[in-house]
Amino acid sequence: MDRGYEKEAFTCLSIKKSIAKKYRRFCKTQGTSQSLTLMAMVEFFEHNGLSPQERLGETIASLKYLVKRRFNALIAILRSIEKEQTLPTMGMIQALFEQELENENEEWENEFDFIEKQLSEPENSKEPDLEMEVMVPKIRLDRLEEKHQELKEDFKYVLNQVRMFRNRFGKDYLKLEINPEALDKYRTKLEN
């Protein structure tokens, strides 16, 4: 007996004999009574908004193809949203960050200008108009110029090893691509 339907009466449906045999075989494979199988079929069609005359496709592969087409359409929609909304917004944010970096650079430049002015102005002394001349032996001057040239070349090399990395949502940063032994060598050279 079907649970929940014990008190309901049976009614007859007029079905062709071959269709009735096929239906009974189907009910046996489902393991339910004929009434419950028929009710499950009707509910399936109602729930999914289908009619028995519609075909879902020849095979599961064709359903897979339809789903794949839907996913491709969804991906196209997401890409258009990215191009039209996300990227312009990101560009605006980057422009704000660049403006902020320019302001910071101007502050640093102003500080260096102040330091240069201090160095160029003569100190308050008793004789402000006198310029100091320092006598340095020629050999020592040549050696200092050689060291200065070496330091310039080392500094250029280190600067050439610096790479700028752009960060999409944070501040950009610099990365020094040099091995630790060379860095230690330059440190000791500067300290001496």
N, C-alpha and C. Protein backbone atom coordinates (compact mmCIF):
# COMPACT_ATOMS: atom_id res chain seq x y z
N MET A 1 0.84 -1.18 0.00
CA MET A 1 0.00 0.00 0.00
C MET A 1 0.88 1.24 0.00
N ASP A 2 0.40 2.29 -0.62
CA ASP A 2 1.13 3.55 -0.70
C ASP A 2 0.90 4.34 0.58
N ARG A 3 1.99 4.75 1.22
CA ARG A 3 1.88 5.49 2.48
C ARG A 3 1.28 6.85 2.22
N GLY A 4 0.34 7.23 3.02
CA GLY A 4 -0.32 8.52 2.92
C GLY A 4 -1.52 8.50 1.99
N TYR A 5 -1.68 7.43 1.21
CA TYR A 5 -2.79 7.35 0.27
C TYR A 5 -3.64 6.11 0.51
N GLU A 6 -3.58 5.53 1.71
CA GLU A 6 -4.29 4.29 1.99
C GLU A 6 -5.80 4.43 1.87
N LYS A 7 -6.36 5.58 2.23
CA LYS A 7 -7.80 5.73 2.25
C LYS A 7 -8.38 6.19 0.93
N GLU A 8 -7.52 6.52 -0.04
CA GLU A 8 -8.03 6.98 -1.33
C GLU A 8 -8.46 5.80 -2.18
N ALA A 9 -9.47 6.04 -2.98
CA ALA A 9 -9.99 4.98 -3.85
C ALA A 9 -9.19 4.94 -5.15
N PHE A 10 -9.23 3.79 -5.81
CA PHE A 10 -8.57 3.64 -7.10
C PHE A 10 -9.51 4.09 -8.20
N THR A 11 -8.90 4.53 -9.30
CA THR A 11 -9.69 4.87 -10.48
C THR A 11 -8.98 4.26 -11.69
N CYS A 12 -9.69 4.10 -12.76
CA CYS A 12 -9.11 3.47 -13.95
C CYS A 12 -8.75 4.54 -14.97
N LEU A 13 -7.66 4.30 -15.66
CA LEU A 13 -7.23 5.13 -16.78
C LEU A 13 -7.27 4.27 -18.02
N SER A 14 -7.66 4.82 -19.11
CA SER A 14 -7.66 4.07 -20.36
C SER A 14 -6.33 4.25 -21.05
N ILE A 15 -5.55 3.19 -21.06
CA ILE A 15 -4.22 3.21 -21.66
C ILE A 15 -4.11 2.02 -22.60
N LYS A 16 -3.40 2.21 -23.72
CA LYS A 16 -3.18 1.12 -24.65
C LYS A 16 -2.38 0.03 -23.96
N LYS A 17 -2.60 -1.21 -24.40
CA LYS A 17 -2.02 -2.37 -23.74
C LYS A 17 -0.49 -2.34 -23.78
N SER A 18 0.10 -2.00 -24.91
CA SER A 18 1.57 -2.00 -25.03
C SER A 18 2.19 -0.92 -24.13
N ILE A 19 1.49 0.21 -24.03
CA ILE A 19 1.99 1.30 -23.19
C ILE A 19 1.88 0.91 -21.71
N ALA A 20 0.79 0.21 -21.35
CA ALA A 20 0.60 -0.23 -19.96
C ALA A 20 1.71 -1.21 -19.57
N LYS A 21 2.09 -2.15 -20.49
CA LYS A 21 3.17 -3.11 -20.18
C LYS A 21 4.50 -2.35 -19.96
N LYS A 22 4.75 -1.41 -20.85
CA LYS A 22 5.99 -0.64 -20.75
C LYS A 22 6.01 0.14 -19.43
N TYR A 23 4.87 0.72 -19.06
CA TYR A 23 4.78 1.50 -17.83
C TYR A 23 4.98 0.61 -16.61
N ARG A 24 4.41 -0.57 -16.61
CA ARG A 24 4.56 -1.49 -15.48
C ARG A 24 6.02 -1.92 -15.32
N ARG A 25 6.72 -2.15 -16.45
CA ARG A 25 8.15 -2.50 -16.38
C ARG A 25 8.95 -1.35 -15.76
N PHE A 26 8.60 -0.15 -16.19
CA PHE A 26 9.29 1.03 -15.66
C PHE A 26 9.06 1.16 -14.15
N CYS A 27 7.83 0.91 -13.70
CA CYS A 27 7.50 0.99 -12.27
C CYS A 27 8.30 -0.04 -11.47
N LYS A 28 8.51 -1.23 -12.03
CA LYS A 28 9.28 -2.26 -11.33
C LYS A 28 10.74 -1.83 -11.19
N THR A 29 11.28 -1.20 -12.25
CA THR A 29 12.67 -0.75 -12.14
C THR A 29 12.82 0.37 -11.11
N GLN A 30 11.77 1.16 -10.93
CA GLN A 30 11.80 2.24 -9.95
C GLN A 30 11.57 1.73 -8.54
N GLY A 31 10.93 0.58 -8.42
CA GLY A 31 10.67 0.00 -7.11
C GLY A 31 9.55 0.67 -6.35
N THR A 32 8.62 1.30 -7.07
CA THR A 32 7.48 1.95 -6.42
C THR A 32 6.20 1.48 -7.11
N SER A 33 5.09 1.82 -6.49
CA SER A 33 3.81 1.44 -7.07
C SER A 33 3.54 2.27 -8.32
N GLN A 34 2.57 1.85 -9.09
CA GLN A 34 2.22 2.57 -10.32
C GLN A 34 1.71 3.98 -10.02
N SER A 35 0.93 4.11 -8.96
CA SER A 35 0.39 5.43 -8.59
C SER A 35 1.51 6.40 -8.22
N LEU A 36 2.44 5.95 -7.35
CA LEU A 36 3.51 6.82 -6.91
C LEU A 36 4.48 7.15 -8.04
N THR A 37 4.74 6.21 -8.94
CA THR A 37 5.61 6.47 -10.09
C THR A 37 5.00 7.53 -10.99
N LEU A 38 3.70 7.40 -11.26
CA LEU A 38 3.03 8.37 -12.10
C LEU A 38 3.02 9.75 -11.44
N MET A 39 2.79 9.78 -10.13
CA MET A 39 2.79 11.05 -9.42
C MET A 39 4.19 11.70 -9.46
N ALA A 40 5.26 10.90 -9.29
CA ALA A 40 6.63 11.42 -9.34
C ALA A 40 6.94 12.00 -10.72
N MET A 41 6.45 11.34 -11.77
CA MET A 41 6.69 11.83 -13.14
C MET A 41 5.99 13.17 -13.36
N VAL A 42 4.74 13.26 -12.91
CA VAL A 42 3.99 14.50 -13.10
C VAL A 42 4.66 15.65 -12.32
N GLU A 43 5.07 15.36 -11.08
CA GLU A 43 5.73 16.38 -10.28
C GLU A 43 7.05 16.82 -10.91
N PHE A 44 7.79 15.88 -11.50
CA PHE A 44 9.04 16.22 -12.17
C PHE A 44 8.80 17.22 -13.29
N PHE A 45 7.80 16.95 -14.12
CA PHE A 45 7.52 17.84 -15.25
C PHE A 45 7.04 19.22 -14.75
N GLU A 46 6.20 19.21 -13.71
CA GLU A 46 5.71 20.49 -13.19
C GLU A 46 6.83 21.30 -12.54
N HIS A 47 7.67 20.62 -11.76
CA HIS A 47 8.75 21.29 -11.05
C HIS A 47 9.77 21.91 -12.00
N ASN A 48 10.12 21.23 -13.06
CA ASN A 48 11.13 21.69 -14.00
C ASN A 48 10.56 22.51 -15.15
N GLY A 49 9.26 22.67 -15.18
CA GLY A 49 8.64 23.49 -16.22
C GLY A 49 8.79 22.88 -17.61
N LEU A 50 8.70 21.58 -17.67
CA LEU A 50 8.84 20.87 -18.94
C LEU A 50 7.51 20.24 -19.33
N SER A 51 7.45 19.90 -20.59
CA SER A 51 6.31 19.10 -21.02
C SER A 51 6.85 17.80 -21.60
N PRO A 52 6.06 16.74 -21.60
CA PRO A 52 6.56 15.44 -22.09
C PRO A 52 6.93 15.48 -23.57
N GLN A 53 6.42 16.43 -24.34
CA GLN A 53 6.76 16.50 -25.75
C GLN A 53 8.13 17.14 -25.99
N GLU A 54 8.63 17.90 -25.03
CA GLU A 54 9.94 18.53 -25.19
C GLU A 54 11.04 17.50 -25.01
N ARG A 55 12.12 17.69 -25.76
CA ARG A 55 13.29 16.83 -25.62
C ARG A 55 14.40 17.66 -24.99
N LEU A 56 15.07 17.08 -24.01
CA LEU A 56 16.16 17.78 -23.36
C LEU A 56 17.41 17.81 -24.22
N GLY A 57 17.47 17.01 -25.19
CA GLY A 57 18.64 16.88 -26.04
C GLY A 57 18.83 15.42 -26.35
N GLU A 58 19.63 15.16 -27.35
CA GLU A 58 19.82 13.77 -27.75
C GLU A 58 20.57 12.98 -26.69
N THR A 59 21.61 13.59 -26.12
CA THR A 59 22.43 12.89 -25.13
C THR A 59 22.82 13.86 -24.02
N ILE A 60 23.52 13.33 -23.07
CA ILE A 60 24.05 14.17 -21.99
C ILE A 60 25.11 15.11 -22.55
N ALA A 61 25.81 14.67 -23.60
CA ALA A 61 26.83 15.52 -24.22
C ALA A 61 26.21 16.80 -24.76
N SER A 62 25.01 16.70 -25.33
CA SER A 62 24.38 17.91 -25.84
C SER A 62 23.98 18.83 -24.69
N LEU A 63 23.55 18.26 -23.56
CA LEU A 63 23.27 19.08 -22.38
C LEU A 63 24.54 19.76 -21.88
N LYS A 64 25.63 19.01 -21.92
CA LYS A 64 26.91 19.54 -21.51
C LYS A 64 27.30 20.73 -22.39
N TYR A 65 27.04 20.59 -23.69
CA TYR A 65 27.33 21.67 -24.64
C TYR A 65 26.50 22.91 -24.32
N LEU A 66 25.21 22.71 -24.01
CA LEU A 66 24.35 23.84 -23.67
C LEU A 66 24.84 24.55 -22.41
N VAL A 67 25.24 23.77 -21.41
CA VAL A 67 25.74 24.35 -20.17
C VAL A 67 27.03 25.12 -20.44
N LYS A 68 27.89 24.55 -21.28
CA LYS A 68 29.16 25.20 -21.62
C LYS A 68 28.91 26.53 -22.31
N ARG A 69 27.92 26.58 -23.20
CA ARG A 69 27.57 27.83 -23.88
C ARG A 69 27.10 28.88 -22.87
N ARG A 70 26.32 28.43 -21.88
CA ARG A 70 25.84 29.35 -20.85
C ARG A 70 27.01 29.90 -20.03
N PHE A 71 27.97 29.01 -19.70
CA PHE A 71 29.14 29.47 -18.95
C PHE A 71 29.96 30.47 -19.76
N ASN A 72 30.11 30.20 -21.06
CA ASN A 72 30.85 31.13 -21.91
C ASN A 72 30.16 32.49 -21.94
N ALA A 73 28.83 32.49 -22.00
CA ALA A 73 28.09 33.75 -21.97
C ALA A 73 28.31 34.47 -20.64
N LEU A 74 28.32 33.73 -19.55
CA LEU A 74 28.55 34.31 -18.23
C LEU A 74 29.95 34.91 -18.14
N ILE A 75 30.93 34.20 -18.67
CA ILE A 75 32.31 34.71 -18.68
C ILE A 75 32.40 35.99 -19.49
N ALA A 76 31.72 36.03 -20.63
CA ALA A 76 31.72 37.25 -21.45
C ALA A 76 31.11 38.43 -20.68
N ILE A 77 30.06 38.17 -19.94
CA ILE A 77 29.43 39.23 -19.14
C ILE A 77 30.40 39.73 -18.07
N LEU A 78 31.08 38.81 -17.38
CA LEU A 78 32.02 39.20 -16.34
C LEU A 78 33.19 40.01 -16.92
N ARG A 79 33.68 39.61 -18.11
CA ARG A 79 34.78 40.36 -18.74
C ARG A 79 34.33 41.76 -19.13
N SER A 80 33.12 41.88 -19.63
CA SER A 80 32.64 43.22 -19.99
C SER A 80 32.49 44.09 -18.74
N ILE A 81 32.05 43.51 -17.63
CA ILE A 81 31.96 44.26 -16.37
C ILE A 81 33.36 44.71 -15.95
N GLU A 82 34.34 43.82 -16.09
CA GLU A 82 35.71 44.16 -15.71
C GLU A 82 36.23 45.32 -16.56
N LYS A 83 35.99 45.27 -17.88
CA LYS A 83 36.49 46.31 -18.77
C LYS A 83 35.79 47.64 -18.53
N GLU A 84 34.49 47.61 -18.34
CA GLU A 84 33.71 48.83 -18.27
C GLU A 84 33.62 49.43 -16.87
N GLN A 85 33.79 48.62 -15.83
CA GLN A 85 33.61 49.14 -14.48
C GLN A 85 34.86 49.00 -13.62
N THR A 86 35.44 47.81 -13.55
CA THR A 86 36.54 47.57 -12.63
C THR A 86 37.81 48.28 -13.05
N LEU A 87 38.20 48.14 -14.33
CA LEU A 87 39.45 48.74 -14.78
C LEU A 87 39.44 50.27 -14.70
N PRO A 88 38.37 50.96 -15.11
CA PRO A 88 38.37 52.42 -14.93
C PRO A 88 38.47 52.83 -13.46
N THR A 89 37.80 52.11 -12.59
CA THR A 89 37.87 52.42 -11.16
C THR A 89 39.29 52.22 -10.66
N MET A 90 39.93 51.13 -11.09
CA MET A 90 41.30 50.86 -10.68
C MET A 90 42.23 51.95 -11.21
N GLY A 91 41.99 52.42 -12.44
CA GLY A 91 42.80 53.50 -13.00
C GLY A 91 42.68 54.78 -12.18
N MET A 92 41.47 55.06 -11.74
CA MET A 92 41.26 56.25 -10.91
C MET A 92 42.01 56.11 -9.58
N ILE A 93 41.96 54.93 -8.99
CA ILE A 93 42.66 54.70 -7.73
C ILE A 93 44.16 54.84 -7.92
N GLN A 94 44.69 54.28 -9.03
CA GLN A 94 46.12 54.41 -9.30
C GLN A 94 46.51 55.87 -9.50
N ALA A 95 45.67 56.63 -10.18
CA ALA A 95 45.96 58.05 -10.39
C ALA A 95 46.04 58.77 -9.04
N LEU A 96 45.15 58.41 -8.12
CA LEU A 96 45.20 59.02 -6.78
C LEU A 96 46.50 58.67 -6.06
N PHE A 97 46.91 57.40 -6.16
CA PHE A 97 48.15 56.98 -5.51
C PHE A 97 49.36 57.68 -6.14
N GLU A 98 49.37 57.83 -7.47
CA GLU A 98 50.48 58.51 -8.13
C GLU A 98 50.54 59.96 -7.70
N GLN A 99 49.39 60.61 -7.57
CA GLN A 99 49.36 62.00 -7.12
C GLN A 99 49.92 62.09 -5.70
N GLU A 100 49.59 61.11 -4.87
CA GLU A 100 50.10 61.09 -3.50
C GLU A 100 51.61 60.92 -3.51
N LEU A 101 52.13 60.05 -4.40
CA LEU A 101 53.58 59.84 -4.49
C LEU A 101 54.28 61.12 -4.97
N GLU A 102 53.68 61.83 -5.93
CA GLU A 102 54.26 63.07 -6.41
C GLU A 102 54.35 64.10 -5.28
N ASN A 103 53.32 64.17 -4.45
CA ASN A 103 53.34 65.10 -3.31
C ASN A 103 54.47 64.75 -2.35
N GLU A 104 54.67 63.45 -2.10
CA GLU A 104 55.75 63.02 -1.22
C GLU A 104 57.10 63.38 -1.82
N ASN A 105 57.27 63.18 -3.15
CA ASN A 105 58.53 63.51 -3.81
C ASN A 105 58.81 65.01 -3.71
N GLU A 106 57.78 65.85 -3.88
CA GLU A 106 57.96 67.29 -3.76
C GLU A 106 58.42 67.66 -2.35
N GLU A 107 57.87 66.99 -1.34
CA GLU A 107 58.29 67.26 0.03
C GLU A 107 59.77 66.94 0.21
N TRP A 108 60.22 65.80 -0.34
CA TRP A 108 61.63 65.41 -0.25
C TRP A 108 62.51 66.43 -0.98
N GLU A 109 62.07 66.87 -2.17
CA GLU A 109 62.86 67.84 -2.92
C GLU A 109 63.00 69.14 -2.14
N ASN A 110 61.91 69.56 -1.50
CA ASN A 110 61.98 70.78 -0.69
C ASN A 110 62.97 70.63 0.46
N GLU A 111 63.04 69.47 1.07
CA GLU A 111 63.99 69.24 2.15
C GLU A 111 65.41 69.30 1.64
N PHE A 112 65.68 68.73 0.44
CA PHE A 112 67.02 68.77 -0.12
C PHE A 112 67.40 70.21 -0.48
N ASP A 113 66.45 70.99 -0.99
CA ASP A 113 66.73 72.39 -1.29
C ASP A 113 67.16 73.13 -0.02
N PHE A 114 66.46 72.86 1.08
CA PHE A 114 66.78 73.50 2.34
C PHE A 114 68.21 73.14 2.77
N ILE A 115 68.57 71.87 2.63
CA ILE A 115 69.91 71.42 3.02
C ILE A 115 70.96 72.07 2.13
N GLU A 116 70.70 72.16 0.82
CA GLU A 116 71.65 72.80 -0.09
C GLU A 116 71.85 74.27 0.26
N LYS A 117 70.76 74.94 0.60
CA LYS A 117 70.88 76.35 0.98
C LYS A 117 71.75 76.49 2.22
N GLN A 118 71.57 75.59 3.17
CA GLN A 118 72.37 75.66 4.39
C GLN A 118 73.85 75.45 4.08
N LEU A 119 74.13 74.51 3.17
CA LEU A 119 75.52 74.24 2.84
C LEU A 119 76.15 75.36 2.03
N SER A 120 75.37 75.99 1.18
CA SER A 120 75.93 77.04 0.33
C SER A 120 76.12 78.37 1.06
N GLU A 121 75.33 78.64 2.07
CA GLU A 121 75.45 79.89 2.83
C GLU A 121 76.64 79.81 3.76
N PRO A 122 77.43 80.86 3.82
CA PRO A 122 78.56 80.84 4.76
C PRO A 122 78.05 80.91 6.20
N GLU A 123 78.76 80.25 7.07
CA GLU A 123 78.37 80.25 8.47
C GLU A 123 78.59 81.64 9.06
N ASN A 124 77.85 81.93 10.09
CA ASN A 124 78.02 83.23 10.75
C ASN A 124 79.37 83.24 11.47
N SER A 125 80.30 83.95 10.89
CA SER A 125 81.62 84.06 11.50
C SER A 125 82.03 85.51 11.51
N LYS A 126 83.20 85.78 12.02
CA LYS A 126 83.66 87.16 12.12
C LYS A 126 83.95 87.75 10.75
N GLU A 127 84.41 86.91 9.81
CA GLU A 127 84.74 87.39 8.48
C GLU A 127 83.87 86.65 7.47
N PRO A 128 82.63 87.07 7.20
CA PRO A 128 81.73 86.33 6.34
C PRO A 128 82.10 86.35 4.87
N ASP A 129 82.85 87.36 4.39
CA ASP A 129 83.12 87.46 2.97
C ASP A 129 84.33 86.65 2.53
N LEU A 130 85.13 86.19 3.45
CA LEU A 130 86.31 85.44 3.08
C LEU A 130 85.95 84.02 2.69
N GLU A 131 86.49 83.58 1.59
CA GLU A 131 86.27 82.18 1.17
C GLU A 131 87.45 81.37 1.66
N MET A 132 87.13 80.16 2.10
CA MET A 132 88.19 79.30 2.62
C MET A 132 88.73 78.45 1.48
N GLU A 133 90.01 78.45 1.36
CA GLU A 133 90.66 77.60 0.37
C GLU A 133 91.46 76.57 1.13
N VAL A 134 91.31 75.35 0.71
CA VAL A 134 92.01 74.27 1.37
C VAL A 134 93.04 73.75 0.39
N MET A 135 94.23 73.63 0.81
CA MET A 135 95.30 73.11 -0.03
C MET A 135 95.41 71.61 0.19
N VAL A 136 95.25 70.86 -0.91
CA VAL A 136 95.35 69.41 -0.84
C VAL A 136 96.46 69.01 -1.81
N PRO A 137 97.34 68.11 -1.39
CA PRO A 137 98.39 67.68 -2.30
C PRO A 137 97.80 67.01 -3.55
N LYS A 138 98.47 67.15 -4.68
CA LYS A 138 97.99 66.64 -5.96
C LYS A 138 97.78 65.14 -5.93
N ILE A 139 98.64 64.38 -5.32
CA ILE A 139 98.52 62.92 -5.26
C ILE A 139 97.27 62.51 -4.50
N ARG A 140 97.07 63.19 -3.36
CA ARG A 140 95.88 62.87 -2.56
C ARG A 140 94.61 63.25 -3.32
N LEU A 141 94.61 64.36 -4.02
CA LEU A 141 93.47 64.78 -4.82
C LEU A 141 93.15 63.75 -5.91
N ASP A 142 94.19 63.27 -6.59
CA ASP A 142 93.99 62.24 -7.63
C ASP A 142 93.39 60.97 -7.03
N ARG A 143 93.89 60.58 -5.88
CA ARG A 143 93.37 59.37 -5.22
C ARG A 143 91.90 59.56 -4.82
N LEU A 144 91.56 60.72 -4.29
CA LEU A 144 90.17 61.00 -3.91
C LEU A 144 89.27 60.99 -5.14
N GLU A 145 89.73 61.53 -6.25
CA GLU A 145 88.94 61.52 -7.48
C GLU A 145 88.74 60.10 -7.99
N GLU A 146 89.76 59.25 -7.87
CA GLU A 146 89.61 57.83 -8.27
C GLU A 146 88.58 57.12 -7.40
N LYS A 147 88.66 57.36 -6.10
CA LYS A 147 87.67 56.75 -5.19
C LYS A 147 86.26 57.24 -5.51
N HIS A 148 86.19 58.54 -5.77
CA HIS A 148 84.89 59.12 -6.12
C HIS A 148 84.33 58.47 -7.38
N GLN A 149 85.17 58.27 -8.39
CA GLN A 149 84.73 57.64 -9.64
C GLN A 149 84.31 56.19 -9.40
N GLU A 150 85.06 55.46 -8.57
CA GLU A 150 84.68 54.07 -8.24
C GLU A 150 83.34 54.03 -7.53
N LEU A 151 83.13 54.94 -6.58
CA LEU A 151 81.86 54.99 -5.86
C LEU A 151 80.70 55.31 -6.81
N LYS A 152 80.94 56.21 -7.76
CA LYS A 152 79.91 56.53 -8.74
C LYS A 152 79.55 55.30 -9.57
N GLU A 153 80.56 54.56 -10.01
CA GLU A 153 80.31 53.35 -10.82
C GLU A 153 79.57 52.29 -10.00
N ASP A 154 80.00 52.11 -8.75
CA ASP A 154 79.30 51.15 -7.88
C ASP A 154 77.86 51.56 -7.65
N PHE A 155 77.65 52.85 -7.42
CA PHE A 155 76.30 53.35 -7.20
C PHE A 155 75.43 53.17 -8.44
N LYS A 156 75.99 53.42 -9.61
CA LYS A 156 75.25 53.19 -10.86
C LYS A 156 74.87 51.72 -11.00
N TYR A 157 75.82 50.82 -10.68
CA TYR A 157 75.55 49.39 -10.78
C TYR A 157 74.39 49.00 -9.85
N VAL A 158 74.45 49.48 -8.61
CA VAL A 158 73.39 49.16 -7.65
C VAL A 158 72.06 49.72 -8.11
N LEU A 159 72.07 50.96 -8.61
CA LEU A 159 70.82 51.55 -9.10
C LEU A 159 70.26 50.79 -10.29
N ASN A 160 71.13 50.23 -11.14
CA ASN A 160 70.65 49.45 -12.28
C ASN A 160 70.04 48.11 -11.84
N GLN A 161 70.36 47.69 -10.62
CA GLN A 161 69.79 46.44 -10.11
C GLN A 161 68.46 46.64 -9.40
N VAL A 162 68.02 47.88 -9.30
CA VAL A 162 66.74 48.19 -8.64
C VAL A 162 65.63 48.09 -9.67
N ARG A 163 64.59 47.36 -9.34
CA ARG A 163 63.43 47.19 -10.22
C ARG A 163 62.19 47.72 -9.50
N MET A 164 61.35 48.41 -10.26
CA MET A 164 60.11 48.94 -9.68
C MET A 164 58.98 47.97 -9.97
N PHE A 165 58.22 47.64 -8.98
CA PHE A 165 57.08 46.74 -9.12
C PHE A 165 55.81 47.53 -8.81
N ARG A 166 54.88 47.45 -9.74
CA ARG A 166 53.61 48.15 -9.58
C ARG A 166 52.64 47.23 -8.86
N ASN A 167 51.99 47.76 -7.86
CA ASN A 167 51.01 47.00 -7.10
C ASN A 167 49.64 47.55 -7.47
N ARG A 168 48.70 46.68 -7.80
CA ARG A 168 47.39 47.13 -8.28
C ARG A 168 46.60 47.88 -7.21
N PHE A 169 46.68 47.47 -5.96
CA PHE A 169 45.83 48.08 -4.94
C PHE A 169 46.61 48.72 -3.80
N GLY A 170 47.91 48.54 -3.76
CA GLY A 170 48.70 49.15 -2.70
C GLY A 170 49.74 50.06 -3.30
N LYS A 171 50.72 50.42 -2.49
CA LYS A 171 51.78 51.28 -2.98
C LYS A 171 52.75 50.46 -3.83
N ASP A 172 53.32 51.11 -4.85
CA ASP A 172 54.36 50.48 -5.64
C ASP A 172 55.60 50.32 -4.76
N TYR A 173 56.48 49.38 -5.11
CA TYR A 173 57.66 49.18 -4.30
C TYR A 173 58.85 48.88 -5.19
N LEU A 174 60.04 49.06 -4.62
CA LEU A 174 61.29 48.81 -5.33
C LEU A 174 61.91 47.53 -4.80
N LYS A 175 62.55 46.80 -5.71
CA LYS A 175 63.18 45.55 -5.32
C LYS A 175 64.63 45.59 -5.81
N LEU A 176 65.57 45.28 -4.93
CA LEU A 176 66.98 45.26 -5.27
C LEU A 176 67.36 43.83 -5.62
N GLU A 177 67.75 43.62 -6.86
CA GLU A 177 68.09 42.27 -7.33
C GLU A 177 69.62 42.13 -7.37
N ILE A 178 70.18 41.90 -6.20
CA ILE A 178 71.63 41.78 -6.08
C ILE A 178 71.90 40.69 -5.05
N ASN A 179 73.00 39.94 -5.25
CA ASN A 179 73.27 38.87 -4.29
C ASN A 179 73.85 39.45 -3.00
N PRO A 180 73.65 38.77 -1.88
CA PRO A 180 74.06 39.31 -0.57
C PRO A 180 75.56 39.55 -0.46
N GLU A 181 76.40 38.74 -1.13
CA GLU A 181 77.84 38.92 -1.04
C GLU A 181 78.26 40.27 -1.65
N ALA A 182 77.67 40.60 -2.80
CA ALA A 182 78.00 41.88 -3.44
C ALA A 182 77.53 43.05 -2.57
N LEU A 183 76.38 42.89 -1.94
CA LEU A 183 75.87 43.94 -1.06
C LEU A 183 76.81 44.16 0.12
N ASP A 184 77.31 43.06 0.71
CA ASP A 184 78.27 43.18 1.82
C ASP A 184 79.57 43.84 1.35
N LYS A 185 80.00 43.50 0.14
CA LYS A 185 81.22 44.09 -0.43
C LYS A 185 81.07 45.61 -0.54
N TYR A 186 79.91 46.06 -1.04
CA TYR A 186 79.69 47.50 -1.18
C TYR A 186 79.59 48.18 0.18
N ARG A 187 79.01 47.51 1.15
CA ARG A 187 78.92 48.09 2.50
C ARG A 187 80.30 48.31 3.10
N THR A 188 81.13 47.28 3.02
CA THR A 188 82.48 47.40 3.59
C THR A 188 83.29 48.46 2.85
N LYS A 189 83.08 48.55 1.53
CA LYS A 189 83.81 49.55 0.74
C LYS A 189 83.41 50.96 1.17
N LEU A 190 82.13 51.17 1.44
CA LEU A 190 81.66 52.48 1.89
C LEU A 190 82.13 52.80 3.30
N GLU A 191 82.17 51.80 4.17
CA GLU A 191 82.61 52.04 5.55
C GLU A 191 84.09 52.39 5.61
N ASN A 192 84.90 51.81 4.73
CA ASN A 192 86.33 52.10 4.70
C ASN A 192 86.55 53.33 3.89
